[in-house]
N, C-alpha and C. Protein backbone atom coordinates (compact mmCIF):
# COMPACT_ATOMS: atom_id res chain seq x y z
N MET A 1 -19.33 11.77 -1.62
CA MET A 1 -18.32 10.76 -1.87
C MET A 1 -18.17 10.00 -0.52
N ILE A 2 -18.26 8.68 -0.58
CA ILE A 2 -18.06 7.90 0.63
C ILE A 2 -16.65 7.22 0.46
N VAL A 3 -15.77 7.33 1.47
CA VAL A 3 -14.42 6.83 1.39
C VAL A 3 -14.40 5.83 2.58
N GLU A 4 -13.98 4.47 2.21
CA GLU A 4 -13.83 3.53 3.16
C GLU A 4 -12.36 2.96 2.99
N PRO A 5 -11.66 2.88 4.32
CA PRO A 5 -10.21 2.49 4.26
C PRO A 5 -10.12 0.91 4.20
N LEU A 6 -10.59 0.34 3.24
CA LEU A 6 -10.42 -1.11 3.14
C LEU A 6 -8.92 -1.54 3.15
N ASN A 7 -8.60 -2.28 4.18
CA ASN A 7 -7.14 -2.70 4.28
C ASN A 7 -6.23 -1.42 4.44
N ALA A 8 -6.80 -0.43 4.97
CA ALA A 8 -6.14 0.85 5.02
C ALA A 8 -5.84 1.55 3.71
N VAL A 9 -6.73 1.17 2.68
CA VAL A 9 -6.37 1.62 1.28
C VAL A 9 -7.71 2.52 0.98
N PRO A 10 -7.67 3.63 0.49
CA PRO A 10 -8.81 4.56 0.33
C PRO A 10 -9.66 4.06 -0.94
N ILE A 11 -10.82 3.47 -0.84
CA ILE A 11 -11.78 3.13 -1.79
C ILE A 11 -12.87 4.09 -1.74
N ALA A 12 -13.16 4.83 -2.82
CA ALA A 12 -14.10 5.95 -2.81
C ALA A 12 -15.25 5.43 -3.68
N ARG A 13 -16.48 5.73 -3.28
CA ARG A 13 -17.70 5.57 -4.06
C ARG A 13 -18.56 6.95 -4.04
N VAL A 14 -18.97 7.15 -5.19
CA VAL A 14 -19.80 8.38 -5.36
C VAL A 14 -21.04 8.18 -6.31
N GLU A 15 -22.10 8.51 -6.02
CA GLU A 15 -23.33 8.35 -6.95
C GLU A 15 -23.39 9.52 -7.72
N LEU A 16 -23.56 9.32 -9.03
CA LEU A 16 -23.62 10.45 -10.07
C LEU A 16 -24.75 10.22 -11.00
N PRO A 17 -25.91 10.60 -10.52
CA PRO A 17 -27.06 10.46 -11.42
C PRO A 17 -26.94 11.56 -12.54
N ASN A 18 -27.50 11.11 -13.77
CA ASN A 18 -27.47 12.07 -14.98
C ASN A 18 -26.14 12.38 -15.19
N PHE A 19 -25.14 11.56 -15.02
CA PHE A 19 -23.69 11.82 -15.36
C PHE A 19 -23.42 11.70 -16.78
N ASN A 20 -24.24 11.00 -17.47
CA ASN A 20 -24.08 10.74 -18.96
C ASN A 20 -25.35 11.00 -19.67
N SER A 21 -25.35 11.27 -21.02
CA SER A 21 -26.52 11.45 -21.86
C SER A 21 -26.77 10.22 -22.73
N LYS A 22 -27.98 10.16 -23.35
CA LYS A 22 -28.23 8.99 -24.14
C LYS A 22 -27.32 9.18 -25.45
N LYS A 23 -27.06 10.29 -25.90
CA LYS A 23 -26.19 10.60 -26.98
C LYS A 23 -24.65 9.96 -26.83
N GLU A 24 -24.26 10.30 -25.52
CA GLU A 24 -22.93 9.78 -25.15
C GLU A 24 -22.98 8.16 -25.16
N ILE A 25 -23.98 7.69 -24.56
CA ILE A 25 -24.10 6.12 -24.47
C ILE A 25 -24.01 5.63 -25.89
N ASP A 26 -24.74 6.15 -26.82
CA ASP A 26 -24.69 5.78 -28.25
C ASP A 26 -23.28 5.76 -28.74
N ILE A 27 -22.55 6.80 -28.39
CA ILE A 27 -21.08 6.89 -28.97
C ILE A 27 -20.33 5.74 -28.26
N LEU A 28 -20.48 5.55 -26.97
CA LEU A 28 -19.71 4.56 -26.24
C LEU A 28 -19.96 3.15 -26.91
N GLU A 29 -21.25 2.88 -27.17
CA GLU A 29 -21.73 1.50 -27.70
C GLU A 29 -21.07 1.30 -29.08
N ASP A 30 -20.77 2.35 -29.73
CA ASP A 30 -20.24 2.16 -31.13
C ASP A 30 -18.81 1.80 -31.20
N TYR A 31 -17.95 1.79 -30.08
CA TYR A 31 -16.55 1.62 -30.06
C TYR A 31 -16.45 -0.02 -30.39
N GLU A 32 -15.49 -0.33 -31.37
CA GLU A 32 -15.07 -1.71 -31.58
C GLU A 32 -14.57 -2.41 -30.45
N MET A 33 -14.90 -3.55 -30.29
CA MET A 33 -14.61 -4.33 -28.99
C MET A 33 -13.76 -5.51 -29.28
N LYS A 34 -13.04 -5.98 -28.32
CA LYS A 34 -12.36 -7.28 -28.34
C LYS A 34 -12.63 -8.06 -26.99
N LYS A 35 -12.58 -9.29 -27.06
CA LYS A 35 -12.79 -10.17 -25.89
C LYS A 35 -11.64 -10.03 -24.85
N ILE A 36 -11.90 -9.77 -23.59
CA ILE A 36 -10.95 -9.71 -22.58
C ILE A 36 -10.37 -11.06 -22.24
N THR A 37 -9.02 -11.25 -22.47
CA THR A 37 -8.45 -12.55 -22.16
C THR A 37 -8.82 -13.15 -20.83
N GLY A 38 -9.24 -14.43 -20.80
CA GLY A 38 -9.60 -15.14 -19.68
C GLY A 38 -10.99 -14.76 -19.13
N SER A 39 -11.65 -13.95 -19.95
CA SER A 39 -13.06 -13.54 -19.38
C SER A 39 -14.08 -14.53 -19.96
N LYS A 40 -15.22 -14.22 -19.38
CA LYS A 40 -16.51 -14.92 -19.87
C LYS A 40 -17.62 -13.73 -20.15
N PHE A 41 -17.90 -13.69 -21.44
CA PHE A 41 -18.83 -12.76 -21.87
C PHE A 41 -18.54 -11.33 -21.50
N ALA A 42 -17.20 -10.98 -21.61
CA ALA A 42 -16.70 -9.57 -21.33
C ALA A 42 -15.78 -9.03 -22.44
N ASN A 43 -16.04 -7.79 -22.88
CA ASN A 43 -15.17 -7.30 -23.86
C ASN A 43 -14.76 -5.83 -23.56
N VAL A 44 -13.65 -5.50 -24.09
CA VAL A 44 -13.10 -4.20 -23.94
C VAL A 44 -12.85 -3.51 -25.26
N SER A 45 -13.04 -2.08 -25.20
CA SER A 45 -12.86 -1.40 -26.38
C SER A 45 -11.38 -1.47 -26.98
N LEU A 46 -11.28 -1.43 -28.19
CA LEU A 46 -9.94 -1.37 -28.78
C LEU A 46 -9.26 0.01 -28.64
N GLU A 47 -10.06 0.97 -28.49
CA GLU A 47 -9.62 2.38 -28.32
C GLU A 47 -9.38 2.57 -26.81
N ASN A 48 -8.25 2.98 -26.43
CA ASN A 48 -7.96 3.07 -24.92
C ASN A 48 -7.69 4.62 -24.61
N HIS A 49 -8.17 5.49 -25.38
CA HIS A 49 -8.27 6.92 -24.98
C HIS A 49 -9.51 7.48 -25.37
N ILE A 50 -10.66 6.90 -24.92
CA ILE A 50 -11.99 7.31 -25.44
C ILE A 50 -12.36 8.66 -24.92
N LEU A 51 -11.79 9.17 -23.79
CA LEU A 51 -12.19 10.44 -23.21
C LEU A 51 -11.40 11.64 -23.90
N ASN A 52 -10.62 11.23 -24.96
CA ASN A 52 -9.99 12.25 -25.93
C ASN A 52 -11.00 12.59 -27.03
N ASN A 53 -12.10 11.77 -27.07
CA ASN A 53 -13.11 12.05 -28.03
C ASN A 53 -13.87 13.45 -27.74
N LYS A 54 -13.84 14.31 -28.67
CA LYS A 54 -14.31 15.70 -28.31
C LYS A 54 -15.78 15.55 -28.06
N LYS A 55 -16.52 14.62 -28.65
CA LYS A 55 -17.96 14.43 -28.37
C LYS A 55 -18.24 13.99 -26.99
N LEU A 56 -17.10 13.49 -26.21
CA LEU A 56 -17.27 12.97 -24.84
C LEU A 56 -16.60 13.99 -23.80
N LYS A 57 -16.52 15.24 -24.19
CA LYS A 57 -15.78 16.22 -23.46
C LYS A 57 -16.49 16.41 -22.08
N ASN A 58 -17.93 16.37 -22.01
CA ASN A 58 -18.49 16.63 -20.76
C ASN A 58 -18.31 15.39 -19.85
N LEU A 59 -18.19 14.14 -20.40
CA LEU A 59 -17.87 12.98 -19.59
C LEU A 59 -16.46 13.19 -18.98
N LYS A 60 -15.54 13.54 -19.91
CA LYS A 60 -14.07 13.76 -19.35
C LYS A 60 -14.01 14.85 -18.29
N LYS A 61 -14.90 15.93 -18.44
CA LYS A 61 -14.87 17.02 -17.44
C LYS A 61 -15.36 16.33 -16.04
N GLY A 62 -16.40 15.52 -16.08
CA GLY A 62 -16.94 14.87 -14.93
C GLY A 62 -15.93 13.96 -14.29
N PHE A 63 -15.19 13.10 -15.05
CA PHE A 63 -14.25 12.33 -14.51
C PHE A 63 -13.11 13.04 -13.89
N ASP A 64 -12.65 14.12 -14.58
CA ASP A 64 -11.58 15.00 -14.07
C ASP A 64 -11.99 15.62 -12.67
N GLU A 65 -13.25 16.01 -12.62
CA GLU A 65 -13.64 16.66 -11.31
C GLU A 65 -13.51 15.60 -10.17
N GLN A 66 -14.12 14.40 -10.44
CA GLN A 66 -14.04 13.46 -9.44
C GLN A 66 -12.52 13.07 -9.00
N ALA A 67 -11.77 12.92 -9.99
CA ALA A 67 -10.45 12.40 -9.93
C ALA A 67 -9.50 13.45 -9.03
N ASN A 68 -9.81 14.75 -9.41
CA ASN A 68 -9.08 15.80 -8.74
C ASN A 68 -9.54 15.98 -7.21
N HIS A 69 -10.86 15.74 -6.96
CA HIS A 69 -11.40 15.71 -5.64
C HIS A 69 -10.77 14.58 -4.88
N TYR A 70 -10.67 13.42 -5.52
CA TYR A 70 -9.99 12.19 -4.70
C TYR A 70 -8.63 12.51 -4.55
N MET A 71 -7.94 13.11 -5.47
CA MET A 71 -6.50 13.27 -5.37
C MET A 71 -6.24 14.35 -4.13
N LYS A 72 -6.84 15.41 -4.09
CA LYS A 72 -6.71 16.47 -3.28
C LYS A 72 -7.34 16.27 -1.85
N ASN A 73 -8.47 15.71 -1.84
CA ASN A 73 -9.26 15.65 -0.48
C ASN A 73 -9.14 14.30 0.15
N VAL A 74 -8.88 13.30 -0.61
CA VAL A 74 -8.73 11.90 0.02
C VAL A 74 -7.34 11.46 0.19
N LEU A 75 -6.59 11.58 -1.00
CA LEU A 75 -5.07 11.18 -0.85
C LEU A 75 -4.35 12.38 -0.18
N GLY A 76 -4.93 13.57 -0.33
CA GLY A 76 -4.12 14.75 0.36
C GLY A 76 -2.92 15.08 -0.44
N ILE A 77 -2.95 14.83 -1.79
CA ILE A 77 -1.77 15.20 -2.63
C ILE A 77 -2.03 16.38 -3.52
N ASP A 78 -1.08 17.27 -3.70
CA ASP A 78 -1.33 18.52 -4.37
C ASP A 78 -0.75 18.54 -5.73
N ASN A 79 -0.36 17.37 -6.29
CA ASN A 79 0.24 17.42 -7.63
C ASN A 79 -0.77 17.41 -8.67
N GLU A 80 -0.36 17.68 -9.98
CA GLU A 80 -1.33 17.71 -11.11
C GLU A 80 -1.48 16.26 -11.50
N ILE A 81 -2.69 15.97 -12.25
CA ILE A 81 -2.87 14.61 -12.71
C ILE A 81 -3.45 14.75 -14.10
N TYR A 82 -3.44 13.66 -14.86
CA TYR A 82 -4.05 13.62 -16.17
C TYR A 82 -4.49 12.16 -16.44
N VAL A 83 -5.49 12.01 -17.35
CA VAL A 83 -5.92 10.78 -17.81
C VAL A 83 -4.92 10.04 -18.71
N SER A 84 -4.38 9.00 -18.18
CA SER A 84 -3.40 8.30 -19.00
C SER A 84 -3.93 7.26 -19.88
N GLN A 85 -5.16 6.64 -19.65
CA GLN A 85 -5.80 5.69 -20.46
C GLN A 85 -7.32 5.74 -20.11
N SER A 86 -8.24 5.61 -20.98
CA SER A 86 -9.60 5.54 -20.78
C SER A 86 -10.20 4.59 -21.77
N TRP A 87 -11.25 3.86 -21.39
CA TRP A 87 -11.80 2.68 -22.15
C TRP A 87 -13.18 2.44 -21.78
N THR A 88 -13.82 1.47 -22.43
CA THR A 88 -15.15 1.08 -21.93
C THR A 88 -15.14 -0.53 -22.06
N THR A 89 -15.93 -1.12 -21.26
CA THR A 89 -16.06 -2.60 -21.24
C THR A 89 -17.52 -2.88 -21.24
N LYS A 90 -17.96 -4.01 -22.02
CA LYS A 90 -19.28 -4.47 -22.15
C LYS A 90 -19.27 -5.93 -21.51
N SER A 91 -20.25 -6.27 -20.80
CA SER A 91 -20.51 -7.67 -20.21
C SER A 91 -21.80 -8.01 -20.24
N SER A 92 -21.99 -9.45 -20.39
CA SER A 92 -23.41 -10.00 -20.61
C SER A 92 -23.73 -10.81 -19.27
N PRO A 93 -25.01 -10.97 -19.14
CA PRO A 93 -25.29 -11.76 -17.88
C PRO A 93 -24.62 -13.17 -17.84
N GLY A 94 -24.23 -13.32 -16.55
CA GLY A 94 -23.34 -14.59 -16.37
C GLY A 94 -21.92 -14.36 -16.74
N GLY A 95 -21.64 -13.28 -17.12
CA GLY A 95 -20.18 -12.95 -17.38
C GLY A 95 -19.30 -12.79 -16.33
N HIS A 96 -18.02 -12.62 -16.62
CA HIS A 96 -16.96 -12.54 -15.56
C HIS A 96 -15.76 -11.74 -16.08
N HIS A 97 -15.50 -10.73 -15.41
CA HIS A 97 -14.20 -9.93 -15.80
C HIS A 97 -13.07 -10.36 -14.86
N PRO A 98 -12.02 -11.11 -15.27
CA PRO A 98 -11.00 -11.77 -14.35
C PRO A 98 -10.27 -10.74 -13.54
N GLN A 99 -9.64 -11.33 -12.55
CA GLN A 99 -8.87 -10.47 -11.56
C GLN A 99 -7.69 -9.84 -12.29
N HIS A 100 -7.44 -8.56 -12.02
CA HIS A 100 -6.35 -7.79 -12.65
C HIS A 100 -6.10 -6.57 -11.91
N ALA A 101 -4.95 -5.82 -12.23
CA ALA A 101 -4.66 -4.59 -11.61
C ALA A 101 -4.30 -3.86 -12.84
N HIS A 102 -4.27 -2.39 -12.60
CA HIS A 102 -3.96 -1.38 -13.62
C HIS A 102 -2.54 -1.00 -13.50
N LYS A 103 -1.72 -1.24 -14.48
CA LYS A 103 -0.28 -0.89 -14.49
C LYS A 103 -0.02 0.56 -15.02
N GLY A 104 1.03 1.27 -14.52
CA GLY A 104 1.44 2.43 -15.16
C GLY A 104 0.56 3.62 -14.77
N CYS A 105 -0.06 3.60 -13.66
CA CYS A 105 -0.94 4.61 -13.24
C CYS A 105 -1.01 4.81 -11.68
N LEU A 106 -1.62 5.87 -11.27
CA LEU A 106 -1.65 6.11 -9.76
C LEU A 106 -3.06 5.54 -9.19
N PHE A 107 -4.13 5.91 -9.86
CA PHE A 107 -5.43 5.36 -9.50
C PHE A 107 -6.30 5.42 -10.58
N SER A 108 -7.50 4.51 -10.44
CA SER A 108 -8.49 4.29 -11.51
C SER A 108 -9.82 4.81 -10.91
N CYS A 109 -10.48 5.24 -12.06
CA CYS A 109 -12.12 5.54 -11.81
C CYS A 109 -12.75 4.58 -12.70
N VAL A 110 -13.91 4.06 -12.14
CA VAL A 110 -14.73 3.19 -12.91
C VAL A 110 -16.19 3.67 -12.72
N TYR A 111 -16.84 4.00 -13.85
CA TYR A 111 -18.19 4.54 -13.84
C TYR A 111 -19.21 3.45 -14.48
N TYR A 112 -20.14 3.21 -13.84
CA TYR A 112 -21.24 2.14 -14.35
C TYR A 112 -22.29 3.00 -15.06
N VAL A 113 -22.31 2.66 -16.37
CA VAL A 113 -23.42 3.42 -17.20
C VAL A 113 -24.64 2.56 -17.15
N TYR A 114 -24.65 1.34 -17.18
CA TYR A 114 -25.93 0.56 -17.08
C TYR A 114 -25.39 -0.88 -16.69
N GLY A 115 -26.40 -1.64 -16.02
CA GLY A 115 -26.24 -2.99 -15.55
C GLY A 115 -25.72 -3.10 -14.16
N THR A 116 -25.93 -4.35 -13.59
CA THR A 116 -25.62 -4.61 -12.25
C THR A 116 -24.70 -5.74 -12.08
N ALA A 117 -23.78 -5.65 -11.06
CA ALA A 117 -22.79 -6.72 -10.92
C ALA A 117 -22.17 -6.47 -9.39
N LYS A 118 -21.19 -7.22 -9.20
CA LYS A 118 -20.31 -6.97 -7.93
C LYS A 118 -18.87 -6.80 -8.27
N ILE A 119 -18.24 -5.84 -7.66
CA ILE A 119 -16.74 -5.69 -7.88
C ILE A 119 -16.13 -6.12 -6.60
N PHE A 120 -15.15 -7.00 -6.80
CA PHE A 120 -14.31 -7.61 -5.67
C PHE A 120 -12.89 -7.00 -5.71
N PHE A 121 -12.50 -6.57 -4.51
CA PHE A 121 -11.10 -6.16 -4.34
C PHE A 121 -10.32 -7.15 -3.58
N ASN A 122 -9.22 -7.59 -4.02
CA ASN A 122 -8.39 -8.63 -3.32
C ASN A 122 -7.05 -8.08 -2.89
N PHE A 123 -6.87 -7.95 -1.59
CA PHE A 123 -5.64 -7.41 -1.18
C PHE A 123 -4.59 -8.53 -0.80
N VAL A 124 -4.98 -9.60 -1.12
CA VAL A 124 -4.00 -10.83 -1.03
C VAL A 124 -3.85 -11.29 0.54
N ARG A 125 -3.53 -10.20 1.26
CA ARG A 125 -3.37 -10.44 2.83
C ARG A 125 -4.27 -9.50 3.51
N SER A 126 -4.98 -9.83 4.57
CA SER A 126 -5.69 -8.94 5.35
C SER A 126 -4.67 -8.00 6.16
N ARG A 127 -5.08 -6.93 6.79
CA ARG A 127 -4.18 -6.14 7.52
C ARG A 127 -3.45 -6.84 8.72
N ILE A 128 -4.24 -7.79 9.38
CA ILE A 128 -3.66 -8.53 10.55
C ILE A 128 -2.78 -9.57 10.05
N ASN A 129 -2.84 -9.97 8.69
CA ASN A 129 -1.89 -10.92 8.15
C ASN A 129 -0.59 -10.52 7.71
N GLU A 130 -0.41 -9.20 7.64
CA GLU A 130 0.83 -8.62 6.97
C GLU A 130 2.02 -9.03 7.83
N GLN A 131 1.89 -9.06 9.25
CA GLN A 131 3.06 -9.41 10.03
C GLN A 131 3.16 -10.90 10.29
N MET A 132 2.02 -11.38 10.78
CA MET A 132 1.97 -12.83 11.04
C MET A 132 0.94 -13.46 10.20
N ASN A 133 1.33 -14.19 9.26
CA ASN A 133 0.32 -14.68 8.21
C ASN A 133 -0.34 -15.99 8.71
N PHE A 134 -1.09 -15.93 9.79
CA PHE A 134 -1.86 -17.07 10.38
C PHE A 134 -3.23 -17.25 9.70
N GLY A 135 -3.74 -18.41 9.84
CA GLY A 135 -5.15 -18.69 9.31
C GLY A 135 -6.10 -18.42 10.53
N TYR A 136 -6.24 -17.25 10.85
CA TYR A 136 -7.10 -16.91 12.02
C TYR A 136 -8.49 -17.39 11.81
N ASP A 137 -9.21 -17.71 13.00
CA ASP A 137 -10.62 -18.01 12.96
C ASP A 137 -11.44 -16.81 13.05
N ILE A 138 -11.89 -16.32 12.07
CA ILE A 138 -12.64 -15.10 11.81
C ILE A 138 -14.07 -15.21 12.48
N GLY A 139 -14.40 -14.39 13.41
CA GLY A 139 -15.72 -14.35 14.00
C GLY A 139 -16.62 -13.42 13.21
N THR A 140 -16.20 -12.24 12.94
CA THR A 140 -16.89 -11.24 12.20
C THR A 140 -16.03 -10.68 11.10
N HIS A 141 -16.24 -10.73 9.90
CA HIS A 141 -15.39 -10.13 8.91
C HIS A 141 -15.53 -8.59 8.92
N ASN A 142 -14.25 -7.89 8.83
CA ASN A 142 -14.31 -6.45 8.76
C ASN A 142 -13.10 -6.05 7.93
N VAL A 143 -12.69 -4.68 7.87
CA VAL A 143 -11.70 -4.12 7.06
C VAL A 143 -10.34 -4.51 7.52
N PHE A 144 -10.32 -5.03 8.79
CA PHE A 144 -8.89 -5.42 9.33
C PHE A 144 -8.56 -6.83 9.08
N ASN A 145 -9.56 -7.86 9.01
CA ASN A 145 -9.26 -9.22 9.03
C ASN A 145 -9.60 -9.90 7.82
N SER A 146 -10.12 -9.14 6.67
CA SER A 146 -10.57 -9.68 5.48
C SER A 146 -9.61 -9.41 4.30
N GLU A 147 -9.17 -10.29 3.42
CA GLU A 147 -8.41 -9.92 2.41
C GLU A 147 -9.20 -9.58 1.07
N VAL A 148 -10.51 -10.02 1.15
CA VAL A 148 -11.35 -9.72 -0.09
C VAL A 148 -12.61 -8.98 0.36
N HIS A 149 -12.84 -7.90 -0.36
CA HIS A 149 -14.06 -7.06 -0.11
C HIS A 149 -14.82 -6.87 -1.41
N TRP A 150 -16.08 -6.80 -1.17
CA TRP A 150 -16.83 -6.50 -2.52
C TRP A 150 -17.95 -5.39 -2.35
N TYR A 151 -18.38 -4.84 -3.46
CA TYR A 151 -19.54 -3.89 -3.46
C TYR A 151 -20.50 -4.33 -4.64
N LYS A 152 -21.77 -4.01 -4.36
CA LYS A 152 -22.72 -4.20 -5.38
C LYS A 152 -22.59 -2.94 -6.39
N THR A 153 -22.68 -3.09 -7.60
CA THR A 153 -22.55 -1.97 -8.51
C THR A 153 -23.82 -1.66 -9.24
N PHE A 154 -24.02 -0.49 -9.72
CA PHE A 154 -25.31 -0.20 -10.21
C PHE A 154 -25.14 1.07 -11.06
N PRO A 155 -26.16 1.39 -11.99
CA PRO A 155 -25.97 2.50 -12.96
C PRO A 155 -25.76 3.81 -12.09
N GLY A 156 -24.90 4.66 -12.51
CA GLY A 156 -24.71 5.93 -11.88
C GLY A 156 -23.66 5.94 -10.81
N LEU A 157 -23.06 4.81 -10.49
CA LEU A 157 -22.02 4.66 -9.43
C LEU A 157 -20.62 4.81 -10.03
N MET A 158 -19.77 5.55 -9.37
CA MET A 158 -18.33 5.70 -9.63
C MET A 158 -17.57 5.13 -8.57
N ILE A 159 -16.63 4.36 -8.74
CA ILE A 159 -15.73 3.83 -7.73
C ILE A 159 -14.23 4.28 -8.14
N ILE A 160 -13.54 4.86 -7.27
CA ILE A 160 -12.15 5.23 -7.44
C ILE A 160 -11.34 4.51 -6.43
N PHE A 161 -10.14 3.97 -6.88
CA PHE A 161 -9.31 3.14 -6.10
C PHE A 161 -7.89 3.11 -6.60
N PRO A 162 -6.87 2.93 -5.77
CA PRO A 162 -5.44 2.82 -6.23
C PRO A 162 -5.37 1.82 -7.23
N ALA A 163 -4.61 2.08 -8.35
CA ALA A 163 -4.69 1.16 -9.50
C ALA A 163 -3.98 -0.23 -9.26
N HIS A 164 -3.09 -0.29 -8.15
CA HIS A 164 -2.37 -1.55 -7.99
C HIS A 164 -3.23 -2.62 -7.26
N ILE A 165 -4.42 -2.31 -6.81
CA ILE A 165 -5.25 -3.31 -6.08
C ILE A 165 -5.85 -4.23 -7.20
N LEU A 166 -5.66 -5.44 -6.75
CA LEU A 166 -6.30 -6.46 -7.65
C LEU A 166 -7.84 -6.46 -7.46
N HIS A 167 -8.61 -6.50 -8.64
CA HIS A 167 -10.04 -6.39 -8.68
C HIS A 167 -10.49 -7.18 -9.75
N GLU A 168 -11.87 -7.60 -9.71
CA GLU A 168 -12.53 -8.27 -10.69
C GLU A 168 -14.09 -8.09 -10.58
N ALA A 169 -14.81 -8.35 -11.72
CA ALA A 169 -16.20 -8.18 -11.71
C ALA A 169 -16.89 -9.61 -11.68
N ARG A 170 -17.92 -9.83 -10.91
CA ARG A 170 -18.60 -11.17 -10.84
C ARG A 170 -20.04 -10.93 -10.76
N ASP A 171 -20.70 -11.89 -10.82
CA ASP A 171 -22.22 -11.87 -10.56
C ASP A 171 -22.99 -10.90 -11.45
N ILE A 172 -22.64 -10.83 -12.67
CA ILE A 172 -23.16 -9.82 -13.64
C ILE A 172 -24.55 -10.41 -13.98
N GLU A 173 -25.54 -9.49 -13.64
CA GLU A 173 -27.02 -9.98 -13.66
C GLU A 173 -27.64 -9.46 -14.98
N SER A 174 -27.15 -8.48 -15.59
CA SER A 174 -27.74 -7.94 -16.84
C SER A 174 -26.58 -7.29 -17.72
N ASP A 175 -26.97 -6.93 -19.01
CA ASP A 175 -26.02 -6.23 -19.80
C ASP A 175 -25.39 -5.11 -19.11
N LYS A 176 -24.13 -5.02 -19.20
CA LYS A 176 -23.28 -4.03 -18.28
C LYS A 176 -22.35 -3.17 -19.15
N LEU A 177 -22.30 -1.91 -19.03
CA LEU A 177 -21.43 -1.05 -19.63
C LEU A 177 -20.71 -0.12 -18.67
N ILE A 178 -19.50 -0.15 -18.74
CA ILE A 178 -18.70 0.68 -17.79
C ILE A 178 -17.71 1.58 -18.58
N ILE A 179 -17.38 2.65 -18.05
CA ILE A 179 -16.23 3.46 -18.53
C ILE A 179 -15.11 3.47 -17.59
N GLY A 180 -14.01 3.22 -17.90
CA GLY A 180 -12.77 3.22 -17.04
C GLY A 180 -11.83 4.33 -17.41
N ALA A 181 -11.11 4.87 -16.40
CA ALA A 181 -10.19 5.85 -16.71
C ALA A 181 -8.98 5.84 -15.70
N ASN A 182 -7.78 5.71 -16.20
CA ASN A 182 -6.62 5.72 -15.30
C ASN A 182 -6.09 7.08 -15.17
N TYR A 183 -5.61 7.55 -13.98
CA TYR A 183 -4.93 8.84 -13.87
C TYR A 183 -3.48 8.69 -13.36
N PHE A 184 -2.59 9.61 -13.73
CA PHE A 184 -1.18 9.60 -13.34
C PHE A 184 -0.82 11.07 -13.03
N VAL A 185 0.39 11.30 -12.38
CA VAL A 185 0.76 12.55 -11.99
C VAL A 185 1.51 13.05 -13.25
N LYS A 186 1.58 14.44 -13.26
CA LYS A 186 2.32 15.13 -14.28
C LYS A 186 3.02 16.40 -13.77
N GLY A 187 4.00 16.90 -14.46
CA GLY A 187 4.58 18.13 -14.01
C GLY A 187 5.76 17.81 -12.99
N PHE A 188 6.13 18.69 -12.12
CA PHE A 188 7.17 18.47 -11.15
C PHE A 188 6.60 17.81 -9.94
N ILE A 189 7.37 16.73 -9.67
CA ILE A 189 7.04 15.89 -8.42
C ILE A 189 8.33 16.06 -7.53
N GLY A 190 7.88 16.26 -6.25
CA GLY A 190 8.96 16.53 -5.14
C GLY A 190 9.57 17.94 -5.22
N LYS A 191 8.84 18.93 -5.67
CA LYS A 191 9.49 20.23 -5.87
C LYS A 191 9.64 20.84 -4.52
N ASN A 192 8.91 20.55 -3.48
CA ASN A 192 9.19 21.03 -2.13
C ASN A 192 9.86 20.13 -1.17
N SER A 193 10.38 19.08 -1.74
CA SER A 193 11.24 18.06 -0.92
C SER A 193 12.60 18.61 -0.61
N PRO A 194 13.02 18.41 0.65
CA PRO A 194 14.33 18.82 0.99
C PRO A 194 15.48 17.88 0.42
N GLN A 195 15.05 16.71 -0.11
CA GLN A 195 16.05 15.71 -0.75
C GLN A 195 16.10 16.07 -2.10
N VAL A 196 17.11 15.37 -2.69
CA VAL A 196 17.33 15.41 -4.19
C VAL A 196 16.47 14.46 -4.91
N ASP A 197 15.22 14.76 -4.91
CA ASP A 197 14.35 13.79 -5.54
C ASP A 197 13.29 14.40 -6.53
N LYS A 198 13.59 15.63 -6.79
CA LYS A 198 12.67 16.32 -7.84
C LYS A 198 12.73 15.75 -9.19
N VAL A 199 11.50 15.47 -9.70
CA VAL A 199 11.58 14.98 -11.06
C VAL A 199 10.44 15.62 -11.82
N ARG A 200 10.53 15.61 -13.28
CA ARG A 200 9.49 16.15 -14.03
C ARG A 200 8.94 14.99 -14.83
N ILE A 201 7.67 14.84 -14.83
CA ILE A 201 6.90 13.92 -15.65
C ILE A 201 6.03 14.55 -16.60
N LYS A 202 6.29 14.25 -17.90
CA LYS A 202 5.56 14.84 -18.97
C LYS A 202 4.83 13.81 -19.71
N PRO A 203 3.47 14.04 -19.80
CA PRO A 203 2.55 13.04 -20.58
C PRO A 203 2.98 12.93 -21.91
N TYR A 204 3.02 11.67 -22.52
CA TYR A 204 3.37 11.64 -24.02
C TYR A 204 2.18 11.87 -24.79
C-alpha cells in the first residue's frame, strides 16, 4: 500500500491483482443501473449494499481487510468499522463522473474492476492557501501548493481516501466498472477519553 499525504490528507493506493473472479464480475454487471445526475455516460447501481450479497462474500472480505489496514495503520485509529454503503458504477468511453463527496461515512474505498480513466481529488485550497489565499505563481506543482491532484486508474487498483474529499472521474478511455464502499465507525467511541464524550454508534 502506497500512502501519499496529498494536502496532508492520507490517500492510499494498493494494487490487488486477482482480487475478483469472473463469476463475481458477472454478478456485478447484472445489477440494475440508473444514470448518475449530471454525468456523461456514467451509471450507478440502484442497490447500495452490494457487498451484503452472499455471493460476493470474498469481495467483502477483501474490502474489509484493506479498510481495516487503512484504519489502523494509516489513520492510526483503533475503533471498529463497518461497510455503511457499497455500490458499483459503469462508465463508457468519453464519460465523466461529476465532482462529489461521500456523506455519512469516514472513508471510502474504490476498486477498479476493469477500464482506465483518471480520478481527480479537489481540496479547494492548497495547503499554502489555507492561511493566505493568494494566487501564487507556482513554479513546480507539489502536494503543498496544488489544490487538485489526479491519478491514472487501471484494473486491480484500489484507492482509499477520506470520504469528505471532493473527487471526480475523467478521461475515461474504455468501458469502466468500479466497486465502491463507504466505511463508518461502530461501537463505543471515545471510551478511553478523559472527557465526557463517550458515545455508542450502532449500525442500522
